[in-house]
PDB file of N, CA and C in Angstrom:
ATOM      1  N   UNK A   1       4.153 -10.569  -1.960  1.00  0.00           N
ATOM      2  CA  UNK A   1       5.031 -10.243  -3.210  1.00  0.00           C
ATOM      3  C   UNK A   1       4.624  -9.120  -3.592  1.00  0.00           C
ATOM      4  N   UNK A   2       3.127  -8.693  -3.571  1.00  0.00           N
ATOM      5  CA  UNK A   2       2.939  -7.478  -4.382  1.00  0.00           C
ATOM      6  C   UNK A   2       3.214  -5.928  -3.232  1.00  0.00           C
ATOM      7  N   UNK A   3       3.372  -6.433  -2.064  1.00  0.00           N
ATOM      8  CA  UNK A   3       3.928  -5.106  -1.044  1.00  0.00           C
ATOM      9  C   UNK A   3       5.594  -5.389  -1.212  1.00  0.00           C
ATOM     10  N   UNK A   4       6.397  -6.437  -1.164  1.00  0.00           N
ATOM     11  CA  UNK A   4       7.886  -6.509  -1.318  1.00  0.00           C
ATOM     12  C   UNK A   4       8.313  -6.251  -2.355  1.00  0.00           C
ATOM     13  N   UNK A   5       7.738  -6.152  -3.624  1.00  0.00           N
ATOM     14  CA  UNK A   5       7.972  -5.869  -4.900  1.00  0.00           C
ATOM     15  C   UNK A   5       7.956  -4.322  -5.071  1.00  0.00           C
ATOM     16  N   UNK A   6       6.939  -3.746  -4.315  1.00  0.00           N
ATOM     17  CA  UNK A   6       7.439  -2.156  -4.631  1.00  0.00           C
ATOM     18  C   UNK A   6       8.480  -1.683  -3.481  1.00  0.00           C
ATOM     19  N   UNK A   7       8.740  -2.180  -2.980  1.00  0.00           N
ATOM     20  CA  UNK A   7       9.919  -1.750  -2.041  1.00  0.00           C
ATOM     21  C   UNK A   7      11.251  -1.931  -2.971  1.00  0.00           C
ATOM     22  N   UNK A   8      11.224  -2.418  -3.889  1.00  0.00           N
ATOM     23  CA  UNK A   8      12.390  -2.538  -4.885  1.00  0.00           C
ATOM     24  C   UNK A   8      12.088  -1.517  -5.835  1.00  0.00           C
ATOM     25  N   UNK A   9      10.947  -0.725  -5.754  1.00  0.00           N
ATOM     26  CA  UNK A   9      11.161   0.648  -6.582  1.00  0.00           C
ATOM     27  C   UNK A   9      10.277   0.000  -7.937  1.00  0.00           C
ATOM     28  N   UNK A  10       9.151  -0.882  -7.990  1.00  0.00           N
ATOM     29  CA  UNK A  10       8.695  -1.263  -8.801  1.00  0.00           C
ATOM     30  C   UNK A  10       7.158  -1.372  -8.757  1.00  0.00           C
ATOM     31  N   UNK A  11       6.798   0.036  -8.293  1.00  0.00           N
ATOM     32  CA  UNK A  11       5.087   0.068  -8.056  1.00  0.00           C
ATOM     33  C   UNK A  11       4.210  -0.529  -8.934  1.00  0.00           C
ATOM     34  N   UNK A  12       4.404  -0.113 -10.590  1.00  0.00           N
ATOM     35  CA  UNK A  12       3.339  -0.560 -11.324  1.00  0.00           C
ATOM     36  C   UNK A  12       3.264  -2.470 -11.431  1.00  0.00           C
ATOM     37  N   UNK A  13       4.727  -2.591 -11.348  1.00  0.00           N
ATOM     38  CA  UNK A  13       4.476  -4.342 -11.621  1.00  0.00           C
ATOM     39  C   UNK A  13       3.720  -4.657 -10.198  1.00  0.00           C
ATOM     40  N   UNK A  14       4.253  -4.230  -8.931  1.00  0.00           N
ATOM     41  CA  UNK A  14       3.788  -4.670  -7.759  1.00  0.00           C
ATOM     42  C   UNK A  14       2.332  -4.470  -7.633  1.00  0.00           C
ATOM     43  N   UNK A  15       1.652  -3.767  -8.245  1.00  0.00           N
ATOM     44  CA  UNK A  15       0.073  -3.485  -8.225  1.00  0.00           C
ATOM     45  C   UNK A  15      -0.398  -4.459  -8.593  1.00  0.00           C
ATOM     46  N   UNK A  16       0.135  -4.952 -10.289  1.00  0.00           N
ATOM     47  CA  UNK A  16      -0.367  -6.081 -10.872  1.00  0.00           C
ATOM     48  C   UNK A  16      -0.411  -7.298 -10.145  1.00  0.00           C
ATOM     49  N   UNK A  17       0.670  -7.600  -9.055  1.00  0.00           N
ATOM     50  CA  UNK A  17       1.009  -8.522  -8.614  1.00  0.00           C
ATOM     51  C   UNK A  17      -0.349  -8.655  -7.561  1.00  0.00           C
ATOM     52  N   UNK A  18      -0.320  -7.606  -6.661  1.00  0.00           N
ATOM     53  CA  UNK A  18      -1.462  -7.196  -5.484  1.00  0.00           C
ATOM     54  C   UNK A  18      -2.874  -7.702  -6.124  1.00  0.00           C
ATOM     55  N   UNK A  19      -2.834  -7.299  -7.457  1.00  0.00           N
ATOM     56  CA  UNK A  19      -4.080  -7.624  -7.966  1.00  0.00           C
ATOM     57  C   UNK A  19      -4.581  -9.020  -7.922  1.00  0.00           C
ATOM     58  N   UNK A  20      -3.464  -9.568  -8.759  1.00  0.00           N
ATOM     59  CA  UNK A  20      -3.343 -11.110  -8.970  1.00  0.00           C
ATOM     60  C   UNK A  20      -3.711 -11.783  -7.404  1.00  0.00           C
ATOM     61  N   UNK A  21      -3.097 -11.495  -6.350  1.00  0.00           N
ATOM     62  CA  UNK A  21      -3.093 -11.743  -5.138  1.00  0.00           C
ATOM     63  C   UNK A  21      -4.471 -12.087  -4.456  1.00  0.00           C
ATOM     64  N   UNK A  22      -5.147 -10.654  -4.811  1.00  0.00           N
ATOM     65  CA  UNK A  22      -6.576 -10.595  -4.446  1.00  0.00           C
ATOM     66  C   UNK A  22      -7.493 -11.583  -5.286  1.00  0.00           C
ATOM     67  N   UNK A  23      -7.365 -11.673  -6.632  1.00  0.00           N
ATOM     68  CA  UNK A  23      -8.003 -12.518  -7.316  1.00  0.00           C
ATOM     69  C   UNK A  23      -7.777 -14.034  -6.638  1.00  0.00           C
ATOM     70  N   UNK A  24      -7.084 -14.466  -6.609  1.00  0.00           N
ATOM     71  CA  UNK A  24      -6.117 -15.802  -5.783  1.00  0.00           C
ATOM     72  C   UNK A  24      -7.012 -15.674  -4.323  1.00  0.00           C
ATOM     73  N   UNK A  25      -6.942 -14.868  -3.875  1.00  0.00           N
ATOM     74  CA  UNK A  25      -7.492 -14.668  -2.286  1.00  0.00           C
ATOM     75  C   UNK A  25      -9.534 -14.990  -2.401  1.00  0.00           C
ATOM     76  N   UNK A  26      -9.892 -14.540  -3.677  1.00  0.00           N
ATOM     77  CA  UNK A  26     -11.435 -14.762  -4.101  1.00  0.00           C
ATOM     78  C   UNK A  26     -11.554 -15.851  -4.521  1.00  0.00           C
ATOM     79  N   UNK A  27     -10.624 -16.680  -5.408  1.00  0.00           N
ATOM     80  CA  UNK A  27     -11.013 -17.882  -5.630  1.00  0.00           C
ATOM     81  C   UNK A  27     -10.764 -19.084  -4.642  1.00  0.00           C
ATOM     82  N   UNK A  28      -9.733 -18.761  -3.321  1.00  0.00           N
ATOM     83  CA  UNK A  28      -9.559 -19.567  -2.507  1.00  0.00           C
ATOM     84  C   UNK A  28     -10.731 -19.264  -1.300  1.00  0.00           C
ATOM     85  N   UNK A  29     -11.637 -18.108  -1.559  1.00  0.00           N
ATOM     86  CA  UNK A  29     -12.766 -17.751  -0.319  1.00  0.00           C
ATOM     87  C   UNK A  29     -11.834 -17.180   0.517  1.00  0.00           C
ATOM     88  N   UNK A  30     -10.345 -16.818   0.513  1.00  0.00           N
ATOM     89  CA  UNK A  30     -10.124 -16.371   1.850  1.00  0.00           C
ATOM     90  C   UNK A  30     -10.009 -14.842   1.729  1.00  0.00           C
ATOM     91  N   UNK A  31     -10.948 -14.367   2.817  1.00  0.00           N
ATOM     92  CA  UNK A  31     -11.120 -12.598   3.127  1.00  0.00           C
ATOM     93  C   UNK A  31      -9.878 -12.190   3.385  1.00  0.00           C
ATOM     94  N   UNK A  32      -8.611 -12.867   4.291  1.00  0.00           N
ATOM     95  CA  UNK A  32      -7.680 -12.475   4.954  1.00  0.00           C
ATOM     96  C   UNK A  32      -6.638 -12.421   3.717  1.00  0.00           C
ATOM     97  N   UNK A  33      -6.672 -13.099   2.864  1.00  0.00           N
ATOM     98  CA  UNK A  33      -5.563 -13.266   1.546  1.00  0.00           C
ATOM     99  C   UNK A  33      -5.720 -11.708   0.592  1.00  0.00           C
ATOM    100  N   UNK A  34      -7.429 -11.663   0.493  1.00  0.00           N
ATOM    101  CA  UNK A  34      -8.008 -10.385  -0.125  1.00  0.00           C
ATOM    102  C   UNK A  34      -7.649  -9.102   0.622  1.00  0.00           C
ATOM    103  N   UNK A  35      -7.693  -9.179   1.762  1.00  0.00           N
ATOM    104  CA  UNK A  35      -7.210  -7.736   2.639  1.00  0.00           C
ATOM    105  C   UNK A  35      -5.941  -7.828   2.782  1.00  0.00           C
ATOM    106  N   UNK A  36      -5.085  -8.611   2.660  1.00  0.00           N
ATOM    107  CA  UNK A  36      -3.747  -7.949   2.715  1.00  0.00           C
ATOM    108  C   UNK A  36      -3.511  -7.369   1.195  1.00  0.00           C
ATOM    109  N   UNK A  37      -4.052  -8.629   0.176  1.00  0.00           N
ATOM    110  CA  UNK A  37      -3.548  -7.848  -1.148  1.00  0.00           C
ATOM    111  C   UNK A  37      -3.935  -6.525  -1.316  1.00  0.00           C
ATOM    112  N   UNK A  38      -5.355  -5.955  -0.865  1.00  0.00           N
ATOM    113  CA  UNK A  38      -5.668  -4.665  -0.527  1.00  0.00           C
ATOM    114  C   UNK A  38      -4.524  -3.612  -0.141  1.00  0.00           C
ATOM    115  N   UNK A  39      -4.008  -4.142   1.056  1.00  0.00           N
ATOM    116  CA  UNK A  39      -3.097  -3.264   1.567  1.00  0.00           C
ATOM    117  C   UNK A  39      -1.769  -2.992   0.817  1.00  0.00           C
ATOM    118  N   UNK A  40      -1.100  -3.922  -0.094  1.00  0.00           N
ATOM    119  CA  UNK A  40      -0.274  -3.926  -0.680  1.00  0.00           C
ATOM    120  C   UNK A  40      -0.595  -3.388  -2.320  1.00  0.00           C
ATOM    121  N   UNK A  41      -2.005  -3.112  -2.521  1.00  0.00           N
ATOM    122  CA  UNK A  41      -2.376  -2.419  -3.717  1.00  0.00           C
ATOM    123  C   UNK A  41      -2.375  -0.866  -3.314  1.00  0.00           C
ATOM    124  N   UNK A  42      -2.637  -0.598  -2.036  1.00  0.00           N
ATOM    125  CA  UNK A  42      -2.817   0.698  -1.347  1.00  0.00           C
ATOM    126  C   UNK A  42      -1.340   1.261  -1.327  1.00  0.00           C
ATOM    127  N   UNK A  43      -0.318   0.311  -0.761  1.00  0.00           N
ATOM    128  CA  UNK A  43       0.782   1.013  -0.983  1.00  0.00           C
ATOM    129  C   UNK A  43       1.370   0.923  -2.315  1.00  0.00           C
ATOM    130  N   UNK A  44       1.243   0.758  -3.611  1.00  0.00           N
ATOM    131  CA  UNK A  44       1.659   0.676  -4.772  1.00  0.00           C
ATOM    132  C   UNK A  44       0.990   1.693  -5.329  1.00  0.00           C
ATOM    133  N   UNK A  45      -0.330   2.107  -5.103  1.00  0.00           N
ATOM    134  CA  UNK A  45      -1.086   3.216  -5.359  1.00  0.00           C
ATOM    135  C   UNK A  45      -0.937   4.536  -5.194  1.00  0.00           C
ATOM    136  N   UNK A  46      -0.449   4.781  -3.802  1.00  0.00           N
ATOM    137  CA  UNK A  46       0.291   5.712  -3.344  1.00  0.00           C
ATOM    138  C   UNK A  46       1.636   6.226  -3.899  1.00  0.00           C
ATOM    139  N   UNK A  47       2.548   5.209  -4.105  1.00  0.00           N
ATOM    140  CA  UNK A  47       3.936   5.258  -4.770  1.00  0.00           C
ATOM    141  C   UNK A  47       3.669   5.527  -6.088  1.00  0.00           C
ATOM    142  N   UNK A  48       2.491   5.422  -6.546  1.00  0.00           N
ATOM    143  CA  UNK A  48       2.494   5.819  -8.081  1.00  0.00           C
ATOM    144  C   UNK A  48       1.999   6.966  -8.131  1.00  0.00           C
ATOM    145  N   UNK A  49       1.433   7.929  -7.077  1.00  0.00           N
ATOM    146  CA  UNK A  49       1.186   9.023  -7.019  1.00  0.00           C
ATOM    147  C   UNK A  49      -0.724   9.277  -6.870  1.00  0.00           C
ATOM    148  N   UNK A  50      -1.447   7.952  -6.705  1.00  0.00           N
ATOM    149  CA  UNK A  50      -2.662   7.846  -7.006  1.00  0.00           C
ATOM    150  C   UNK A  50      -3.220   7.736  -5.681  1.00  0.00           C
ATOM    151  N   UNK A  51      -3.297   9.000  -5.269  1.00  0.00           N
ATOM    152  CA  UNK A  51      -3.610   9.097  -3.618  1.00  0.00           C
ATOM    153  C   UNK A  51      -5.274   8.671  -3.381  1.00  0.00           C
ATOM    154  N   UNK A  52      -6.118   8.917  -4.211  1.00  0.00           N
ATOM    155  CA  UNK A  52      -7.338   8.724  -4.110  1.00  0.00           C
ATOM    156  C   UNK A  52      -7.568   7.546  -4.074  1.00  0.00           C
ATOM    157  N   UNK A  53      -7.296   7.051  -4.933  1.00  0.00           N
ATOM    158  CA  UNK A  53      -7.564   5.473  -5.448  1.00  0.00           C
ATOM    159  C   UNK A  53      -6.851   4.640  -4.071  1.00  0.00           C
ATOM    160  N   UNK A  54      -5.719   5.045  -3.917  1.00  0.00           N
ATOM    161  CA  UNK A  54      -4.835   4.197  -2.909  1.00  0.00           C
ATOM    162  C   UNK A  54      -5.675   4.201  -1.102  1.00  0.00           C
ATOM    163  N   UNK A  55      -6.172   5.637  -1.156  1.00  0.00           N
ATOM    164  CA  UNK A  55      -6.941   5.756   0.407  1.00  0.00           C
ATOM    165  C   UNK A  55      -8.192   4.896   0.179  1.00  0.00           C
ATOM    166  N   UNK A  56      -9.097   4.836  -0.933  1.00  0.00           N
ATOM    167  CA  UNK A  56      -9.980   4.234  -1.257  1.00  0.00           C
ATOM    168  C   UNK A  56      -9.478   2.747  -0.721  1.00  0.00           C
ATOM    169  N   UNK A  57      -8.757   2.132  -1.364  1.00  0.00           N
ATOM    170  CA  UNK A  57      -8.075   0.678  -1.519  1.00  0.00           C
ATOM    171  C   UNK A  57      -7.949   0.199   0.278  1.00  0.00           C
ATOM    172  N   UNK A  58      -7.274   1.581   0.926  1.00  0.00           N
ATOM    173  CA  UNK A  58      -7.123   1.555   2.109  1.00  0.00           C
ATOM    174  C   UNK A  58      -8.414   1.342   3.138  1.00  0.00           C
ATOM    175  N   UNK A  59      -9.260   2.334   2.833  1.00  0.00           N
ATOM    176  CA  UNK A  59     -10.602   1.869   3.559  1.00  0.00           C
ATOM    177  C   UNK A  59     -11.153   0.443   3.468  1.00  0.00           C
ATOM    178  N   UNK A  60     -11.517   0.145   2.059  1.00  0.00           N
ATOM    179  CA  UNK A  60     -11.478  -1.146   1.790  1.00  0.00           C
ATOM    180  C   UNK A  60     -11.078  -2.130   2.593  1.00  0.00           C
ATOM    181  N   UNK A  61      -9.684  -2.262   2.518  1.00  0.00           N
ATOM    182  CA  UNK A  61      -8.992  -3.227   3.531  1.00  0.00           C
ATOM    183  C   UNK A  61      -9.227  -3.130   4.921  1.00  0.00           C
ATOM    184  N   UNK A  62      -9.531  -1.763   5.640  1.00  0.00           N
ATOM    185  CA  UNK A  62      -9.793  -1.668   6.718  1.00  0.00           C
ATOM    186  C   UNK A  62     -11.144  -2.300   7.046  1.00  0.00           C
ATOM    187  N   UNK A  63     -12.418  -2.036   6.303  1.00  0.00           N
ATOM    188  CA  UNK A  63     -13.528  -2.562   6.420  1.00  0.00           C
ATOM    189  C   UNK A  63     -13.894  -4.026   6.455  1.00  0.00           C
ATOM    190  N   UNK A  64     -13.026  -4.672   5.623  1.00  0.00           N
ATOM    191  CA  UNK A  64     -12.821  -5.928   5.485  1.00  0.00           C
ATOM    192  C   UNK A  64     -12.035  -6.785   6.706  1.00  0.00           C
ATOM    193  N   UNK A  65     -10.896  -6.116   7.089  1.00  0.00           N
ATOM    194  CA  UNK A  65     -10.576  -6.385   8.376  1.00  0.00           C
ATOM    195  C   UNK A  65     -11.565  -6.347   9.809  1.00  0.00           C
ATOM    196  N   UNK A  66     -12.355  -5.193   9.885  1.00  0.00           N
ATOM    197  CA  UNK A  66     -13.275  -5.251  10.686  1.00  0.00           C
ATOM    198  C   UNK A  66     -14.051  -6.414  10.401  1.00  0.00           C
ATOM    199  N   UNK A  67     -14.834  -6.773   9.296  1.00  0.00           N
ATOM    200  CA  UNK A  67     -15.569  -7.588   8.878  1.00  0.00           C
ATOM    201  C   UNK A  67     -15.160  -9.043   9.506  1.00  0.00           C
ATOM    202  N   UNK A  68     -13.808  -9.362   9.172  1.00  0.00           N
ATOM    203  CA  UNK A  68     -13.427 -10.877   9.626  1.00  0.00           C
ATOM    204  C   UNK A  68     -13.174 -10.533  11.200  1.00  0.00           C
ATOM    205  N   UNK A  69     -13.257  -9.800  12.011  1.00  0.00           N
ATOM    206  CA  UNK A  69     -12.786  -9.556  13.477  1.00  0.00           C
ATOM    207  C   UNK A  69     -11.755 -10.033  13.417  1.00  0.00           C
ATOM    208  N   UNK A  70     -10.446  -9.754  13.147  1.00  0.00           N
ATOM    209  CA  UNK A  70      -9.426 -10.418  13.068  1.00  0.00           C
ATOM    210  C   UNK A  70      -8.215  -9.334  13.585  1.00  0.00           C
ATOM    211  N   UNK A  71      -8.209  -9.209  14.614  1.00  0.00           N
ATOM    212  CA  UNK A  71      -7.021  -8.371  15.398  1.00  0.00           C
ATOM    213  C   UNK A  71      -5.810  -8.297  14.633  1.00  0.00           C
ATOM    214  N   UNK A  72      -5.178  -9.241  13.918  1.00  0.00           N
ATOM    215  CA  UNK A  72      -3.957  -9.501  13.062  1.00  0.00           C
ATOM    216  C   UNK A  72      -4.046  -8.760  11.835  1.00  0.00           C
ATOM    217  N   UNK A  73      -5.273  -8.900  11.657  1.00  0.00           N
ATOM    218  CA  UNK A  73      -5.420  -8.355  10.081  1.00  0.00           C
ATOM    219  C   UNK A  73      -5.667  -6.897  10.141  1.00  0.00           C
ATOM    220  N   UNK A  74      -6.468  -6.516  11.292  1.00  0.00           N
ATOM    221  CA  UNK A  74      -6.320  -4.696  11.677  1.00  0.00           C
ATOM    222  C   UNK A  74      -5.179  -4.289  12.056  1.00  0.00           C
ATOM    223  N   UNK A  75      -4.192  -5.228  12.544  1.00  0.00           N
ATOM    224  CA  UNK A  75      -2.740  -4.242  12.950  1.00  0.00           C
ATOM    225  C   UNK A  75      -2.164  -4.500  11.769  1.00  0.00           C
ATOM    226  N   UNK A  76      -2.291  -5.563  10.531  1.00  0.00           N
ATOM    227  CA  UNK A  76      -1.527  -5.227   9.700  1.00  0.00           C
ATOM    228  C   UNK A  76      -1.886  -4.009   8.610  1.00  0.00           C
ATOM    229  N   UNK A  77      -2.949  -3.263   8.860  1.00  0.00           N
ATOM    230  CA  UNK A  77      -3.822  -2.512   8.156  1.00  0.00           C
ATOM    231  C   UNK A  77      -2.862  -1.099   8.819  1.00  0.00           C
ATOM    232  N   UNK A  78      -3.016  -1.052  10.024  1.00  0.00           N
ATOM    233  CA  UNK A  78      -2.538   0.036  11.179  1.00  0.00           C
ATOM    234  C   UNK A  78      -0.793   0.069  10.955  1.00  0.00           C
ATOM    235  N   UNK A  79      -0.347  -0.704  11.063  1.00  0.00           N
ATOM    236  CA  UNK A  79       1.246  -1.150  10.684  1.00  0.00           C
ATOM    237  C   UNK A  79       1.240  -0.529   9.156  1.00  0.00           C
ATOM    238  N   UNK A  80       1.083  -0.952   8.122  1.00  0.00           N
ATOM    239  CA  UNK A  80       1.115  -0.753   7.152  1.00  0.00           C
ATOM    240  C   UNK A  80       0.728   0.916   6.608  1.00  0.00           C
ATOM    241  N   UNK A  81      -0.117   1.205   7.159  1.00  0.00           N
ATOM    242  CA  UNK A  81      -0.499   2.727   6.652  1.00  0.00           C
ATOM    243  C   UNK A  81       0.559   3.693   7.641  1.00  0.00           C
ATOM    244  N   UNK A  82       0.980   3.310   9.020  1.00  0.00           N
ATOM    245  CA  UNK A  82       1.892   4.093   9.633  1.00  0.00           C
ATOM    246  C   UNK A  82       3.483   3.869   8.808  1.00  0.00           C
ATOM    247  N   UNK A  83       3.548   2.620   8.519  1.00  0.00           N
ATOM    248  CA  UNK A  83       4.697   2.588   7.574  1.00  0.00           C
ATOM    249  C   UNK A  83       5.019   3.263   6.774  1.00  0.00           C
ATOM    250  N   UNK A  84       3.785   3.512   5.485  1.00  0.00           N
ATOM    251  CA  UNK A  84       3.986   4.266   4.633  1.00  0.00           C
ATOM    252  C   UNK A  84       3.953   5.689   4.755  1.00  0.00           C
ATOM    253  N   UNK A  85       3.366   5.889   5.858  1.00  0.00           N
ATOM    254  CA  UNK A  85       3.399   7.570   6.088  1.00  0.00           C
ATOM    255  C   UNK A  85       4.780   8.022   6.366  1.00  0.00           C
ATOM    256  N   UNK A  86       5.597   6.854   7.202  1.00  0.00           N
ATOM    257  CA  UNK A  86       6.969   7.305   7.945  1.00  0.00           C
ATOM    258  C   UNK A  86       7.759   6.995   6.674  1.00  0.00           C
ATOM    259  N   UNK A  87       7.683   6.395   5.900  1.00  0.00           N
ATOM    260  CA  UNK A  87       8.367   5.854   4.629  1.00  0.00           C
ATOM    261  C   UNK A  87       8.528   7.080   3.590  1.00  0.00           C
ATOM    262  N   UNK A  88       7.582   8.005   3.132  1.00  0.00           N
ATOM    263  CA  UNK A  88       7.354   9.050   2.644  1.00  0.00           C
ATOM    264  C   UNK A  88       8.033  10.308   3.230  1.00  0.00           C
ATOM    265  N   UNK A  89       7.592  10.469   4.690  1.00  0.00           N
ATOM    266  CA  UNK A  89       8.319  11.372   5.343  1.00  0.00           C
ATOM    267  C   UNK A  89      10.008  11.234   5.178  1.00  0.00           C
ATOM    268  N   UNK A  90      10.364   9.950   5.625  1.00  0.00           N
ATOM    269  CA  UNK A  90      11.660  10.047   5.629  1.00  0.00           C
ATOM    270  C   UNK A  90      12.234  10.180   4.255  1.00  0.00           C
ATOM    271  N   UNK A  91      11.736   9.501   2.971  1.00  0.00           N
ATOM    272  CA  UNK A  91      12.532   9.895   1.629  1.00  0.00           C
ATOM    273  C   UNK A  91      12.536  11.576   1.496  1.00  0.00           C
ATOM    274  N   UNK A  92      11.537  12.129   2.357  1.00  0.00           N
ATOM    275  CA  UNK A  92      11.418  13.624   1.847  1.00  0.00           C
ATOM    276  C   UNK A  92      12.606  14.443   2.892  1.00  0.00           C
ATOM    277  N   UNK A  93      12.516  13.860   4.046  1.00  0.00           N
ATOM    278  CA  UNK A  93      13.415  14.766   4.843  1.00  0.00           C
ATOM    279  C   UNK A  93      14.890  14.403   4.631  1.00  0.00           C
ATOM    280  N   UNK A  94      15.300  13.487   4.061  1.00  0.00           N
ATOM    281  CA  UNK A  94      16.463  12.666   3.937  1.00  0.00           C
ATOM    282  C   UNK A  94      17.021  13.206   2.506  1.00  0.00           C
ATOM    283  N   UNK A  95      16.227  12.911   1.622  1.00  0.00           N
ATOM    284  CA  UNK A  95      16.787  12.998   0.547  1.00  0.00           C
ATOM    285  C   UNK A  95      16.471  14.333  -0.080  1.00  0.00           C
ATOM    286  N   UNK A  96      15.572  15.106   0.446  1.00  0.00           N
ATOM    287  CA  UNK A  96      15.325  16.466   0.102  1.00  0.00           C
ATOM    288  C   UNK A  96      14.652  16.584  -1.408  1.00  0.00           C
ATOM    289  N   UNK A  97      13.981  15.399  -1.984  1.00  0.00           N
ATOM    290  CA  UNK A  97      13.268  15.483  -3.120  1.00  0.00           C
ATOM    291  C   UNK A  97      14.227  15.524  -4.134  1.00  0.00           C
ATOM    292  N   UNK A  98      15.588  15.221  -3.938  1.00  0.00           N
ATOM    293  CA  UNK A  98      16.339  15.501  -5.062  1.00  0.00           C
ATOM    294  C   UNK A  98      17.158  14.483  -5.747  1.00  0.00           C
ATOM    295  N   UNK A  99      16.460  12.828  -4.994  1.00  0.00           N
ATOM    296  CA  UNK A  99      17.100  11.947  -5.558  1.00  0.00           C
ATOM    297  C   UNK A  99      15.867  11.358  -6.496  1.00  0.00           C
ATOM    298  N   UNK A 100      16.523  11.120  -7.649  1.00  0.00           N
ATOM    299  CA  UNK A 100      15.772  10.701  -9.049  1.00  0.00           C
ATOM    300  C   UNK A 100      14.926   9.384  -8.596  1.00  0.00           C
ATOM    301  N   UNK A 101      15.503   8.373  -8.049  1.00  0.00           N
ATOM    302  CA  UNK A 101      14.764   7.299  -7.655  1.00  0.00           C
ATOM    303  C   UNK A 101      13.761   7.516  -7.026  1.00  0.00           C
ATOM    304  N   UNK A 102      13.537   8.485  -5.668  1.00  0.00           N
ATOM    305  CA  UNK A 102      12.664   8.655  -4.559  1.00  0.00           C
ATOM    306  C   UNK A 102      11.558   9.644  -5.642  1.00  0.00           C
ATOM    307  N   UNK A 103      12.021  10.668  -6.457  1.00  0.00           N
ATOM    308  CA  UNK A 103      10.957  11.381  -7.161  1.00  0.00           C
ATOM    309  C   UNK A 103      10.188  10.354  -8.062  1.00  0.00           C
ATOM    310  N   UNK A 104      10.710   9.383  -8.623  1.00  0.00           N
ATOM    311  CA  UNK A 104       9.947   8.622  -9.396  1.00  0.00           C
ATOM    312  C   UNK A 104       8.695   7.964  -8.602  1.00  0.00           C
ATOM    313  N   UNK A 105       9.001   7.414  -7.290  1.00  0.00           N
ATOM    314  CA  UNK A 105       8.388   6.761  -6.437  1.00  0.00           C
ATOM    315  C   UNK A 105       7.176   7.217  -6.129  1.00  0.00           C
ATOM    316  N   UNK A 106       7.266   8.500  -5.663  1.00  0.00           N
ATOM    317  CA  UNK A 106       6.032   9.386  -5.035  1.00  0.00           C
ATOM    318  C   UNK A 106       5.962  10.838  -5.270  1.00  0.00           C
ATOM    319  N   UNK A 107       4.810  11.603  -5.590  1.00  0.00           N
ATOM    320  CA  UNK A 107       5.096  12.925  -5.417  1.00  0.00           C
ATOM    321  C   UNK A 107       5.678  13.682  -4.315  1.00  0.00           C
ATOM    322  N   UNK A 108       6.123  15.040  -4.784  1.00  0.00           N
ATOM    323  CA  UNK A 108       6.848  15.330  -3.601  1.00  0.00           C
ATOM    324  C   UNK A 108       6.225  16.185  -2.401  1.00  0.00           C
ATOM    325  N   UNK A 109       4.692  16.076  -2.715  1.00  0.00           N
ATOM    326  CA  UNK A 109       3.936  16.070  -1.386  1.00  0.00           C
ATOM    327  C   UNK A 109       3.431  15.176  -0.196  1.00  0.00           C
ATOM    328  N   UNK A 110       4.419  15.898   1.001  1.00  0.00           N
ATOM    329  CA  UNK A 110       4.814  15.041   2.044  1.00  0.00           C
ATOM    330  C   UNK A 110       2.871  14.606   2.596  1.00  0.00           C
ATOM    331  N   UNK A 111       2.050  15.803   2.312  1.00  0.00           N
ATOM    332  CA  UNK A 111       0.667  15.786   2.776  1.00  0.00           C
ATOM    333  C   UNK A 111       0.085  14.227   2.256  1.00  0.00           C
ATOM    334  N   UNK A 112       0.622  13.614   1.350  1.00  0.00           N
ATOM    335  CA  UNK A 112       0.076  12.744   0.478  1.00  0.00           C
ATOM    336  C   UNK A 112      -0.896  12.042   1.136  1.00  0.00           C
ATOM    337  N   UNK A 113      -0.962  11.528   2.483  1.00  0.00           N
ATOM    338  CA  UNK A 113      -1.801  10.473   3.224  1.00  0.00           C
ATOM    339  C   UNK A 113      -2.776  11.259   3.771  1.00  0.00           C
ATOM    340  N   UNK A 114      -2.548  12.277   4.212  1.00  0.00           N
ATOM    341  CA  UNK A 114      -3.422  13.119   4.624  1.00  0.00           C
ATOM    342  C   UNK A 114      -4.850  13.283   4.814  1.00  0.00           C
TER     343      UNK A 114
END
């Protein structure tokens, strides 16, 4: 839910949901749930313009995926990272930075993820 809610243009709320998902993963003892929740936090932090915090969260998710030795979780990390890069590029190449809804989501810097 923390990832899907951000797509509906509510990254602050989605970030809180993703944080709760991570806590649930901790309580369950599921590192996979924790890793997925970190990826959702990454998306929302980037959408909120918090690049450094977002990239730290992505690195934490990748480290956890490597510890799990799970190809599916590693792929989820890669797919999420690539999707977000393409999403930001698409919004600025097709909207020209003039859509107020888009401008609320991310800063106009296409280099945000590099």
